[in-house]
Protein backbone atom coordinates (compact mmCIF):
# COMPACT_ATOMS: atom_id res chain seq x y z
CA MET A 1 11.61 -17.30 5.07
CA ILE A 2 10.72 -15.32 1.97
CA HIS A 3 7.05 -14.95 1.14
CA ASP A 4 5.89 -17.00 -1.85
CA SER A 5 4.79 -14.37 -4.34
CA LYS A 6 3.50 -14.10 -7.89
CA ILE A 7 5.92 -11.22 -8.49
CA LYS A 8 9.02 -12.97 -7.10
CA SER A 9 12.03 -12.65 -9.36
CA GLU A 10 15.67 -11.68 -9.15
CA GLN A 11 14.83 -8.28 -10.69
CA THR A 12 12.10 -7.67 -8.13
CA ASP A 13 14.45 -8.69 -5.32
CA LYS A 14 16.95 -6.09 -6.54
CA LEU A 15 14.23 -3.42 -6.70
CA PHE A 16 13.14 -4.13 -3.12
CA GLU A 17 16.77 -4.20 -1.95
CA ALA A 18 17.22 -0.77 -3.55
CA ILE A 19 14.12 0.55 -1.77
CA LEU A 20 15.42 -0.79 1.54
CA THR A 21 18.54 1.41 1.14
CA LEU A 22 16.40 4.56 1.28
CA GLU A 23 16.75 6.25 4.67
CA THR A 24 14.58 9.37 4.56
CA VAL A 25 11.38 10.63 2.98
CA GLU A 26 13.58 12.91 0.85
CA ASP A 27 15.52 9.84 -0.37
CA CYS A 28 12.19 8.26 -1.30
CA TYR A 29 11.05 11.33 -3.22
CA ARG A 30 14.30 11.39 -5.19
CA PHE A 31 14.25 7.69 -6.03
CA PHE A 32 10.55 7.32 -6.80
CA GLU A 33 10.45 10.48 -8.94
CA ASP A 34 13.17 8.88 -11.07
CA ILE A 35 11.76 5.34 -11.21
CA CYS A 36 7.99 6.02 -11.39
CA THR A 37 5.73 8.39 -13.26
CA VAL A 38 3.82 11.00 -11.28
CA LYS A 39 0.60 9.06 -11.98
CA GLU A 40 2.09 5.81 -10.64
CA ILE A 41 3.18 7.50 -7.40
CA GLN A 42 -0.23 9.14 -7.06
CA ALA A 43 -2.00 5.80 -7.64
CA ILE A 44 0.08 4.02 -5.00
CA SER A 45 -0.43 6.90 -2.55
CA GLN A 46 -4.18 6.79 -3.23
CA ARG A 47 -4.27 3.05 -2.48
CA LEU A 48 -2.66 3.59 0.91
CA GLN A 49 -5.21 6.30 1.71
CA VAL A 50 -8.05 4.01 0.62
CA VAL A 51 -6.86 1.17 2.85
CA LYS A 52 -6.65 3.55 5.83
CA LEU A 53 -10.27 4.56 5.25
CA LEU A 54 -11.36 0.92 4.84
CA ILE A 55 -9.75 0.14 8.21
CA LYS A 56 -11.84 2.99 9.67
CA ASN A 57 -14.95 1.26 8.23
CA LYS A 58 -15.78 4.12 5.86
CA THR A 59 -18.27 3.32 3.11
CA TYR A 60 -17.20 2.95 -0.50
CA HIS A 61 -19.09 6.16 -1.29
CA GLU A 62 -17.25 8.07 1.45
CA ILE A 63 -13.90 6.70 0.26
CA GLU A 64 -14.69 7.48 -3.38
CA THR A 65 -15.62 11.06 -2.44
CA GLU A 66 -12.57 11.61 -0.24
CA THR A 67 -9.92 9.97 -2.44
CA GLY A 68 -11.29 10.01 -5.98
CA ALA A 69 -10.69 6.25 -6.23
CA SER A 70 -13.18 4.25 -8.26
CA THR A 71 -15.37 1.69 -6.54
CA ALA A 72 -13.54 -1.00 -8.56
CA THR A 73 -10.22 0.16 -7.10
CA ILE A 74 -11.69 0.33 -3.60
CA SER A 75 -13.10 -3.18 -3.99
CA ARG A 76 -9.75 -4.54 -5.21
CA ILE A 77 -7.95 -2.94 -2.25
CA ASN A 78 -10.58 -4.30 0.15
CA ARG A 79 -10.08 -7.78 -1.29
CA SER A 80 -6.30 -7.46 -0.81
CA LEU A 81 -6.82 -6.20 2.72
CA ASN A 82 -9.02 -9.17 3.61
CA TYR A 83 -7.55 -11.99 1.51
CA GLY A 84 -4.12 -10.80 0.38
CA SER A 85 -0.62 -11.23 1.75
CA ASP A 86 -1.19 -8.92 4.76
CA GLY A 87 1.20 -6.34 3.32
CA TYR A 88 -1.21 -3.49 3.99
CA LYS A 89 -1.71 -4.63 7.59
CA LEU A 90 2.04 -4.96 8.10
CA VAL A 91 2.70 -1.40 6.94
CA LEU A 92 -0.26 0.10 8.80
CA GLU A 93 0.87 -1.60 12.02
CA ARG A 94 4.39 -0.26 11.57
CA LEU A 95 2.98 3.22 10.98
CA ASN A 96 0.99 2.76 14.20
CA PHE A 97 -2.19 3.26 12.23
CA ILE A 98 -3.70 0.00 13.43
CA ASN A 99 -3.02 -2.13 16.47
CA GLU A 100 -2.26 -5.82 16.27
CA GLU A 101 -5.64 -6.46 17.93
CA ASP A 102 -7.33 -4.84 14.90
CA ASN A 103 -5.68 -7.46 12.66
CA ASP A 104 -8.68 -9.75 12.95
CA LYS A 105 -10.81 -7.37 10.85
């Protein structure tokens, strides 16, 4: 069953299907450098780093200092982590960054 999403569209499906064809980190670099700006890639990368630090129970100040993310961005990510679609948790589990038992946080 496909997740009910605010961003669901045929175009978005095609984008995600394209991403799923990527097999290596090098493939990802090549594709994302073409499809995104450097700033967009950096922002997405920063969000993943922020969520990792939130999982480790770091304070907003510590996260802001380490990543350069604003407290508004950190708050938005924290809200997604706690009340979103569990996408962050899914990826972090698959990266073996968190265990399934940690999912209740």
